[in-house]
C-alpha atoms as a PDB file:
ATOM      1  CA  UNK A   1       0.000   0.000   0.000  1.00  0.00           C
ATOM      2  CA  UNK A   2       2.752   2.471   0.886  1.00  0.00           C
ATOM      3  CA  UNK A   3       4.423   1.879  -2.454  1.00  0.00           C
ATOM      4  CA  UNK A   4       1.179   2.635  -4.352  1.00  0.00           C
ATOM      5  CA  UNK A   5       0.610   5.731  -2.216  1.00  0.00           C
ATOM      6  CA  UNK A   6       4.147   6.994  -2.855  1.00  0.00           C
ATOM      7  CA  UNK A   7       3.781   6.358  -6.593  1.00  0.00           C
ATOM      8  CA  UNK A   8       0.437   8.172  -6.682  1.00  0.00           C
ATOM      9  CA  UNK A   9       1.858  11.174  -4.787  1.00  0.00           C
ATOM     10  CA  UNK A  10       4.803  11.262  -7.200  1.00  0.00           C
ATOM     11  CA  UNK A  11       2.560  11.164 -10.278  1.00  0.00           C
ATOM     12  CA  UNK A  12       0.250  13.877  -8.900  1.00  0.00           C
ATOM     13  CA  UNK A  13       3.213  16.055  -7.903  1.00  0.00           C
ATOM     14  CA  UNK A  14       4.839  15.686 -11.309  1.00  0.00           C
ATOM     15  CA  UNK A  15       1.575  16.472 -13.070  1.00  0.00           C
ATOM     16  CA  UNK A  16       1.053  19.579 -10.952  1.00  0.00           C
ATOM     17  CA  UNK A  17       4.600  20.721 -11.689  1.00  0.00           C
ATOM     18  CA  UNK A  18       4.113  20.210 -15.430  1.00  0.00           C
ATOM     19  CA  UNK A  19       0.787  22.077 -15.412  1.00  0.00           C
ATOM     20  CA  UNK A  20       2.364  24.956 -13.481  1.00  0.00           C
ATOM     21  CA  UNK A  21       5.317  25.127 -15.874  1.00  0.00           C
ATOM     22  CA  UNK A  22       3.006  25.134 -18.887  1.00  0.00           C
ATOM     23  CA  UNK A  23       1.023  28.007 -17.423  1.00  0.00           C
ATOM     24  CA  UNK A  24       3.974  30.378 -17.112  1.00  0.00           C
ATOM     25  CA  UNK A  25       5.017  32.982 -19.651  1.00  0.00           C
ATOM     26  CA  UNK A  26       8.633  31.821 -19.568  1.00  0.00           C
ATOM     27  CA  UNK A  27      10.201  31.234 -22.951  1.00  0.00           C
ATOM     28  CA  UNK A  28      11.997  27.953 -23.391  1.00  0.00           C
ATOM     29  CA  UNK A  29      15.163  28.670 -25.351  1.00  0.00           C
ATOM     30  CA  UNK A  30      16.482  26.243 -27.894  1.00  0.00           C
ATOM     31  CA  UNK A  31      19.901  26.118 -29.461  1.00  0.00           C
ATOM     32  CA  UNK A  32      18.618  24.932 -32.826  1.00  0.00           C
ATOM     33  CA  UNK A  33      17.751  28.393 -34.163  1.00  0.00           C
ATOM     34  CA  UNK A  34      17.906  28.586 -37.938  1.00  0.00           C
ATOM     35  CA  UNK A  35      19.251  31.487 -39.940  1.00  0.00           C
ATOM     36  CA  UNK A  36      16.890  33.507 -42.117  1.00  0.00           C
ATOM     37  CA  UNK A  37      17.667  35.284 -45.363  1.00  0.00           C
ATOM     38  CA  UNK A  38      19.033  38.545 -43.928  1.00  0.00           C
ATOM     39  CA  UNK A  39      19.301  40.015 -47.430  1.00  0.00           C
ATOM     40  CA  UNK A  40      15.533  39.757 -47.849  1.00  0.00           C
ATOM     41  CA  UNK A  41      14.933  41.474 -44.500  1.00  0.00           C
ATOM     42  CA  UNK A  42      17.432  44.241 -45.327  1.00  0.00           C
ATOM     43  CA  UNK A  43      15.885  44.833 -48.753  1.00  0.00           C
ATOM     44  CA  UNK A  44      12.390  44.956 -47.186  1.00  0.00           C
ATOM     45  CA  UNK A  45      13.701  47.638 -44.829  1.00  0.00           C
ATOM     46  CA  UNK A  46      15.205  49.550 -47.764  1.00  0.00           C
ATOM     47  CA  UNK A  47      11.949  49.423 -49.682  1.00  0.00           C
ATOM     48  CA  UNK A  48      10.100  50.768 -46.659  1.00  0.00           C
ATOM     49  CA  UNK A  49      12.646  53.580 -46.211  1.00  0.00           C
ATOM     50  CA  UNK A  50      12.542  54.473 -49.920  1.00  0.00           C
ATOM     51  CA  UNK A  51       8.828  55.229 -49.568  1.00  0.00           C
ATOM     52  CA  UNK A  52       9.794  57.985 -47.108  1.00  0.00           C
ATOM     53  CA  UNK A  53      11.608  59.830 -49.892  1.00  0.00           C
ATOM     54  CA  UNK A  54       8.669  59.811 -52.265  1.00  0.00           C
ATOM     55  CA  UNK A  55       8.429  58.175 -55.640  1.00  0.00           C
ATOM     56  CA  UNK A  56       9.961  60.977 -57.746  1.00  0.00           C
ATOM     57  CA  UNK A  57      12.673  62.144 -55.402  1.00  0.00           C
ATOM     58  CA  UNK A  58      16.029  62.956 -56.953  1.00  0.00           C
ATOM     59  CA  UNK A  59      17.651  63.451 -53.568  1.00  0.00           C
ATOM     60  CA  UNK A  60      20.589  61.288 -52.647  1.00  0.00           C
ATOM     61  CA  UNK A  61      21.149  59.341 -49.453  1.00  0.00           C
ATOM     62  CA  UNK A  62      24.153  58.253 -47.430  1.00  0.00           C
ATOM     63  CA  UNK A  63      23.950  54.981 -45.509  1.00  0.00           C
ATOM     64  CA  UNK A  64      26.039  54.493 -42.394  1.00  0.00           C
ATOM     65  CA  UNK A  65      27.030  51.378 -40.488  1.00  0.00           C
ATOM     66  CA  UNK A  66      24.348  50.144 -38.139  1.00  0.00           C
ATOM     67  CA  UNK A  67      25.489  50.667 -34.557  1.00  0.00           C
ATOM     68  CA  UNK A  68      25.212  48.490 -31.495  1.00  0.00           C
ATOM     69  CA  UNK A  69      22.436  50.139 -29.420  1.00  0.00           C
ATOM     70  CA  UNK A  70      24.496  49.683 -26.249  1.00  0.00           C
ATOM     71  CA  UNK A  71      27.654  51.231 -27.731  1.00  0.00           C
ATOM     72  CA  UNK A  72      26.641  53.676 -30.440  1.00  0.00           C
ATOM     73  CA  UNK A  73      30.216  54.203 -31.619  1.00  0.00           C
ATOM     74  CA  UNK A  74      30.671  50.481 -32.296  1.00  0.00           C
ATOM     75  CA  UNK A  75      29.424  48.079 -34.899  1.00  0.00           C
ATOM     76  CA  UNK A  76      30.074  44.489 -35.867  1.00  0.00           C
ATOM     77  CA  UNK A  77      30.181  42.523 -39.083  1.00  0.00           C
ATOM     78  CA  UNK A  78      26.385  42.284 -38.742  1.00  0.00           C
ATOM     79  CA  UNK A  79      25.977  46.077 -38.520  1.00  0.00           C
ATOM     80  CA  UNK A  80      28.322  46.743 -41.415  1.00  0.00           C
ATOM     81  CA  UNK A  81      26.669  44.075 -43.548  1.00  0.00           C
ATOM     82  CA  UNK A  82      23.164  45.407 -42.784  1.00  0.00           C
ATOM     83  CA  UNK A  83      24.180  48.881 -43.953  1.00  0.00           C
ATOM     84  CA  UNK A  84      25.605  47.498 -47.186  1.00  0.00           C
ATOM     85  CA  UNK A  85      22.492  45.419 -47.850  1.00  0.00           C
ATOM     86  CA  UNK A  86      20.139  48.332 -47.087  1.00  0.00           C
ATOM     87  CA  UNK A  87      22.244  50.464 -49.441  1.00  0.00           C
ATOM     88  CA  UNK A  88      21.884  47.799 -52.120  1.00  0.00           C
ATOM     89  CA  UNK A  89      18.128  47.592 -51.528  1.00  0.00           C
ATOM     90  CA  UNK A  90      17.756  51.375 -51.762  1.00  0.00           C
ATOM     91  CA  UNK A  91      19.635  51.358 -55.058  1.00  0.00           C
ATOM     92  CA  UNK A  92      17.337  48.596 -56.367  1.00  0.00           C
ATOM     93  CA  UNK A  93      14.395  50.806 -55.347  1.00  0.00           C
ATOM     94  CA  UNK A  94      15.747  53.638 -57.515  1.00  0.00           C
ATOM     95  CA  UNK A  95      17.242  55.775 -54.724  1.00  0.00           C
ATOM     96  CA  UNK A  96      20.536  57.546 -55.424  1.00  0.00           C
ATOM     97  CA  UNK A  97      22.961  56.276 -52.787  1.00  0.00           C
ATOM     98  CA  UNK A  98      26.316  57.961 -52.177  1.00  0.00           C
ATOM     99  CA  UNK A  99      28.915  55.351 -51.218  1.00  0.00           C
ATOM    100  CA  UNK A 100      30.752  56.457 -48.108  1.00  0.00           C
ATOM    101  CA  UNK A 101      33.487  53.864 -48.292  1.00  0.00           C
ATOM    102  CA  UNK A 102      35.066  55.722 -51.231  1.00  0.00           C
ATOM    103  CA  UNK A 103      34.789  59.239 -49.802  1.00  0.00           C
ATOM    104  CA  UNK A 104      37.450  61.051 -47.796  1.00  0.00           C
ATOM    105  CA  UNK A 105      34.797  63.278 -46.233  1.00  0.00           C
ATOM    106  CA  UNK A 106      33.815  60.574 -43.797  1.00  0.00           C
ATOM    107  CA  UNK A 107      35.768  59.546 -40.764  1.00  0.00           C
ATOM    108  CA  UNK A 108      35.963  55.769 -40.906  1.00  0.00           C
ATOM    109  CA  UNK A 109      36.930  54.147 -37.642  1.00  0.00           C
ATOM    110  CA  UNK A 110      39.062  51.173 -38.584  1.00  0.00           C
ATOM    111  CA  UNK A 111      37.184  47.848 -38.307  1.00  0.00           C
ATOM    112  CA  UNK A 112      34.087  49.595 -36.982  1.00  0.00           C
ATOM    113  CA  UNK A 113      32.482  51.349 -39.951  1.00  0.00           C
ATOM    114  CA  UNK A 114      31.217  54.847 -40.619  1.00  0.00           C
ATOM    115  CA  UNK A 115      28.662  56.381 -38.291  1.00  0.00           C
ATOM    116  CA  UNK A 116      26.013  59.013 -38.785  1.00  0.00           C
ATOM    117  CA  UNK A 117      25.578  59.325 -35.042  1.00  0.00           C
ATOM    118  CA  UNK A 118      28.080  62.158 -34.743  1.00  0.00           C
ATOM    119  CA  UNK A 119      28.222  65.940 -34.608  1.00  0.00           C
ATOM    120  CA  UNK A 120      29.768  65.992 -38.065  1.00  0.00           C
ATOM    121  CA  UNK A 121      26.706  64.653 -39.863  1.00  0.00           C
ATOM    122  CA  UNK A 122      25.868  68.037 -41.418  1.00  0.00           C
ATOM    123  CA  UNK A 123      29.426  68.364 -42.748  1.00  0.00           C
ATOM    124  CA  UNK A 124      29.403  64.788 -44.047  1.00  0.00           C
ATOM    125  CA  UNK A 125      26.013  65.262 -45.666  1.00  0.00           C
ATOM    126  CA  UNK A 126      27.057  68.522 -47.335  1.00  0.00           C
ATOM    127  CA  UNK A 127      30.332  67.116 -48.678  1.00  0.00           C
ATOM    128  CA  UNK A 128      28.513  64.052 -50.012  1.00  0.00           C
ATOM    129  CA  UNK A 129      25.698  66.238 -51.450  1.00  0.00           C
ATOM    130  CA  UNK A 130      23.184  64.014 -49.677  1.00  0.00           C
ATOM    131  CA  UNK A 131      20.345  65.673 -47.754  1.00  0.00           C
ATOM    132  CA  UNK A 132      19.274  62.321 -46.277  1.00  0.00           C
ATOM    133  CA  UNK A 133      21.018  59.666 -44.233  1.00  0.00           C
ATOM    134  CA  UNK A 134      20.083  56.162 -43.196  1.00  0.00           C
ATOM    135  CA  UNK A 135      21.122  55.301 -39.669  1.00  0.00           C
ATOM    136  CA  UNK A 136      20.475  52.020 -37.972  1.00  0.00           C
ATOM    137  CA  UNK A 137      20.869  50.336 -34.637  1.00  0.00           C
ATOM    138  CA  UNK A 138      20.652  46.755 -33.482  1.00  0.00           C
ATOM    139  CA  UNK A 139      20.392  45.029 -30.124  1.00  0.00           C
ATOM    140  CA  UNK A 140      21.536  41.454 -29.712  1.00  0.00           C
ATOM    141  CA  UNK A 141      19.396  39.312 -27.447  1.00  0.00           C
ATOM    142  CA  UNK A 142      19.733  35.660 -26.516  1.00  0.00           C
ATOM    143  CA  UNK A 143      17.969  34.317 -29.603  1.00  0.00           C
ATOM    144  CA  UNK A 144      17.572  37.287 -31.943  1.00  0.00           C
ATOM    145  CA  UNK A 145      18.973  40.640 -32.998  1.00  0.00           C
ATOM    146  CA  UNK A 146      16.448  43.479 -33.157  1.00  0.00           C
ATOM    147  CA  UNK A 147      17.143  46.045 -35.863  1.00  0.00           C
ATOM    148  CA  UNK A 148      15.841  49.573 -36.462  1.00  0.00           C
ATOM    149  CA  UNK A 149      16.639  51.513 -39.636  1.00  0.00           C
ATOM    150  CA  UNK A 150      15.716  55.200 -40.024  1.00  0.00           C
ATOM    151  CA  UNK A 151      15.761  57.575 -42.968  1.00  0.00           C
ATOM    152  CA  UNK A 152      16.692  60.979 -41.548  1.00  0.00           C
ATOM    153  CA  UNK A 153      16.509  64.419 -43.170  1.00  0.00           C
ATOM    154  CA  UNK A 154      19.911  65.657 -42.039  1.00  0.00           C
ATOM    155  CA  UNK A 155      19.163  69.402 -41.974  1.00  0.00           C
ATOM    156  CA  UNK A 156      16.240  69.043 -39.551  1.00  0.00           C
ATOM    157  CA  UNK A 157      16.939  65.616 -37.948  1.00  0.00           C
ATOM    158  CA  UNK A 158      13.398  64.667 -38.942  1.00  0.00           C
ATOM    159  CA  UNK A 159      12.786  60.942 -39.268  1.00  0.00           C
ATOM    160  CA  UNK A 160      11.148  60.503 -42.662  1.00  0.00           C
ATOM    161  CA  UNK A 161      10.684  56.730 -42.439  1.00  0.00           C
ATOM    162  CA  UNK A 162      11.550  53.916 -40.091  1.00  0.00           C
ATOM    163  CA  UNK A 163      11.569  50.129 -40.300  1.00  0.00           C
ATOM    164  CA  UNK A 164      12.057  47.508 -37.566  1.00  0.00           C
ATOM    165  CA  UNK A 165      12.815  43.833 -38.014  1.00  0.00           C
ATOM    166  CA  UNK A 166      14.131  40.827 -36.120  1.00  0.00           C
ATOM    167  CA  UNK A 167      16.937  38.477 -37.118  1.00  0.00           C
ATOM    168  CA  UNK A 168      16.973  35.084 -35.390  1.00  0.00           C
ATOM    169  CA  UNK A 169      20.484  34.284 -34.162  1.00  0.00           C
ATOM    170  CA  UNK A 170      21.193  31.155 -36.137  1.00  0.00           C
ATOM    171  CA  UNK A 171      24.833  30.116 -36.604  1.00  0.00           C
ATOM    172  CA  UNK A 172      25.622  32.697 -39.311  1.00  0.00           C
ATOM    173  CA  UNK A 173      23.828  35.630 -37.702  1.00  0.00           C
ATOM    174  CA  UNK A 174      25.367  34.829 -34.317  1.00  0.00           C
ATOM    175  CA  UNK A 175      28.854  34.819 -35.848  1.00  0.00           C
ATOM    176  CA  UNK A 176      28.183  38.151 -37.598  1.00  0.00           C
ATOM    177  CA  UNK A 177      26.888  39.768 -34.394  1.00  0.00           C
ATOM    178  CA  UNK A 178      30.169  39.161 -32.569  1.00  0.00           C
ATOM    179  CA  UNK A 179      32.319  42.269 -32.326  1.00  0.00           C
ATOM    180  CA  UNK A 180      35.345  41.675 -34.539  1.00  0.00           C
END
């Protein structure tokens, strides 16, 4: 009898524990996260930002490296790649993009990228003849990176368009998010 009673108490206790665990809002993290097509997400962001310029705009845009939200003067391979892909997507959408990597007017911090989040943005914009800039930030969580891209009118700091997206941290994205 004692054995049956102990078994019954164990089964009831385990069931109660499982029901309680299922009723929580805790997220169960898994290590088998798959990469997504980051190019598609970046081009979707670019298309959304291009709408902020208007269909017939002849204005040009500079695109800066996307910065780590916790350290705005730093980027990573992920941030630099996102800026290049958004630049590519803007070009595909018909927007005139001024390439900063070939211009001396921009201070490029070695291995970090070029940043619009500086006091020199007006000077950079004027030298590049680009009244608009795309700036982006990202935050790396446990399972995803959260990205915000903004099209900014440099003269007034007005945000003309914004686009947010999430990148699951699969093996490739996780490697790109590391600061190197």
